[in-house]
Amino acid sequence: MSENLNSNYIEKDDFNVKTEDSNYEDLIEKLKEIKSTIALLEKTIFK
């Protein structure tokens, strides 16, 4: 019985890690978009 519980915890931990990785990848993509937008605005403003 305890082996089954441990297995469930491991699967949940793996899922959480994958979800966190995905969240970080999404965040990095959003930050890249923001960086590009800021660079474009700077070029527009300082022309």
N, C-alpha and C. Protein backbone atom coordinates (compact mmCIF):
# COMPACT_ATOMS: atom_id res chain seq x y z
N MET A 1 0.83 -1.20 0.00
CA MET A 1 0.00 0.00 0.00
C MET A 1 0.88 1.26 0.00
N SER A 2 1.91 1.29 0.84
CA SER A 2 2.75 2.48 0.89
C SER A 2 3.53 2.65 -0.42
N GLU A 3 3.87 1.55 -1.10
CA GLU A 3 4.55 1.66 -2.39
C GLU A 3 3.65 2.36 -3.40
N ASN A 4 2.38 2.07 -3.37
CA ASN A 4 1.43 2.70 -4.28
C ASN A 4 1.34 4.20 -3.99
N LEU A 5 1.30 4.56 -2.73
CA LEU A 5 1.24 5.98 -2.36
C LEU A 5 2.50 6.70 -2.81
N ASN A 6 3.65 6.09 -2.60
CA ASN A 6 4.91 6.70 -3.02
C ASN A 6 4.93 6.90 -4.52
N SER A 7 4.43 5.94 -5.26
CA SER A 7 4.37 6.04 -6.71
C SER A 7 3.49 7.22 -7.13
N ASN A 8 2.38 7.38 -6.47
CA ASN A 8 1.48 8.50 -6.78
C ASN A 8 2.15 9.84 -6.50
N TYR A 9 2.89 9.93 -5.41
CA TYR A 9 3.58 11.18 -5.09
C TYR A 9 4.64 11.50 -6.13
N ILE A 10 5.36 10.48 -6.56
CA ILE A 10 6.39 10.69 -7.57
C ILE A 10 5.77 11.17 -8.87
N GLU A 11 4.68 10.57 -9.29
CA GLU A 11 4.01 11.00 -10.51
C GLU A 11 3.53 12.44 -10.40
N LYS A 12 3.00 12.81 -9.25
CA LYS A 12 2.53 14.19 -9.04
C LYS A 12 3.71 15.15 -9.08
N ASP A 13 4.83 14.76 -8.46
CA ASP A 13 6.01 15.61 -8.47
C ASP A 13 6.52 15.81 -9.89
N ASP A 14 6.55 14.74 -10.68
CA ASP A 14 6.97 14.85 -12.07
C ASP A 14 6.06 15.79 -12.84
N PHE A 15 4.77 15.67 -12.62
CA PHE A 15 3.80 16.54 -13.30
C PHE A 15 4.04 17.99 -12.89
N ASN A 16 4.26 18.23 -11.59
CA ASN A 16 4.49 19.59 -11.11
C ASN A 16 5.75 20.18 -11.72
N VAL A 17 6.80 19.38 -11.85
CA VAL A 17 8.04 19.87 -12.44
C VAL A 17 7.82 20.23 -13.90
N LYS A 18 7.10 19.37 -14.63
CA LYS A 18 6.82 19.67 -16.04
C LYS A 18 5.98 20.93 -16.16
N THR A 19 5.01 21.09 -15.27
CA THR A 19 4.17 22.28 -15.30
C THR A 19 4.99 23.52 -14.99
N GLU A 20 5.86 23.43 -14.00
CA GLU A 20 6.71 24.57 -13.64
C GLU A 20 7.65 24.91 -14.79
N ASP A 21 8.23 23.89 -15.44
CA ASP A 21 9.10 24.14 -16.58
C ASP A 21 8.33 24.86 -17.69
N SER A 22 7.13 24.40 -17.93
CA SER A 22 6.30 25.01 -18.96
C SER A 22 5.98 26.46 -18.60
N ASN A 23 5.70 26.70 -17.33
CA ASN A 23 5.40 28.06 -16.88
C ASN A 23 6.62 28.97 -17.08
N TYR A 24 7.81 28.45 -16.75
CA TYR A 24 9.02 29.25 -16.94
C TYR A 24 9.28 29.52 -18.41
N GLU A 25 9.05 28.52 -19.26
CA GLU A 25 9.23 28.72 -20.70
C GLU A 25 8.26 29.77 -21.22
N ASP A 26 7.02 29.72 -20.75
CA ASP A 26 6.03 30.74 -21.15
C ASP A 26 6.46 32.12 -20.68
N LEU A 27 6.95 32.20 -19.46
CA LEU A 27 7.39 33.47 -18.90
C LEU A 27 8.56 34.04 -19.70
N ILE A 28 9.50 33.18 -20.04
CA ILE A 28 10.66 33.62 -20.82
C ILE A 28 10.21 34.15 -22.18
N GLU A 29 9.28 33.47 -22.82
CA GLU A 29 8.76 33.94 -24.12
C GLU A 29 8.09 35.30 -23.98
N LYS A 30 7.29 35.47 -22.94
CA LYS A 30 6.62 36.76 -22.71
C LYS A 30 7.65 37.86 -22.47
N LEU A 31 8.70 37.55 -21.70
CA LEU A 31 9.73 38.55 -21.43
C LEU A 31 10.47 38.93 -22.71
N LYS A 32 10.70 37.95 -23.59
CA LYS A 32 11.34 38.25 -24.87
C LYS A 32 10.46 39.18 -25.71
N GLU A 33 9.15 38.92 -25.70
CA GLU A 33 8.22 39.78 -26.43
C GLU A 33 8.24 41.19 -25.86
N ILE A 34 8.25 41.30 -24.55
CA ILE A 34 8.28 42.62 -23.89
C ILE A 34 9.58 43.34 -24.24
N LYS A 35 10.68 42.61 -24.23
CA LYS A 35 11.98 43.20 -24.57
C LYS A 35 11.97 43.75 -25.99
N SER A 36 11.40 42.99 -26.91
CA SER A 36 11.31 43.44 -28.31
C SER A 36 10.44 44.67 -28.43
N THR A 37 9.33 44.68 -27.73
CA THR A 37 8.42 45.83 -27.76
C THR A 37 9.10 47.07 -27.21
N ILE A 38 9.82 46.92 -26.13
CA ILE A 38 10.53 48.07 -25.54
C ILE A 38 11.59 48.59 -26.50
N ALA A 39 12.32 47.68 -27.13
CA ALA A 39 13.35 48.10 -28.08
C ALA A 39 12.73 48.87 -29.24
N LEU A 40 11.61 48.40 -29.74
CA LEU A 40 10.92 49.08 -30.83
C LEU A 40 10.42 50.45 -30.39
N LEU A 41 9.88 50.54 -29.18
CA LEU A 41 9.43 51.83 -28.67
C LEU A 41 10.58 52.80 -28.50
N GLU A 42 11.72 52.30 -28.03
CA GLU A 42 12.89 53.17 -27.86
C GLU A 42 13.35 53.72 -29.20
N LYS A 43 13.34 52.88 -30.23
CA LYS A 43 13.74 53.34 -31.56
C LYS A 43 12.77 54.41 -32.05
N THR A 44 11.49 54.22 -31.79
CA THR A 44 10.46 55.16 -32.24
C THR A 44 10.58 56.49 -31.50
N ILE A 45 10.80 56.42 -30.21
CA ILE A 45 10.86 57.62 -29.39
C ILE A 45 12.12 58.44 -29.68
N PHE A 46 13.25 57.75 -29.82
CA PHE A 46 14.53 58.47 -29.93
C PHE A 46 14.97 58.72 -31.38
N LYS A 47 14.04 58.65 -32.32
CA LYS A 47 14.37 58.97 -33.71
C LYS A 47 14.58 60.44 -33.89
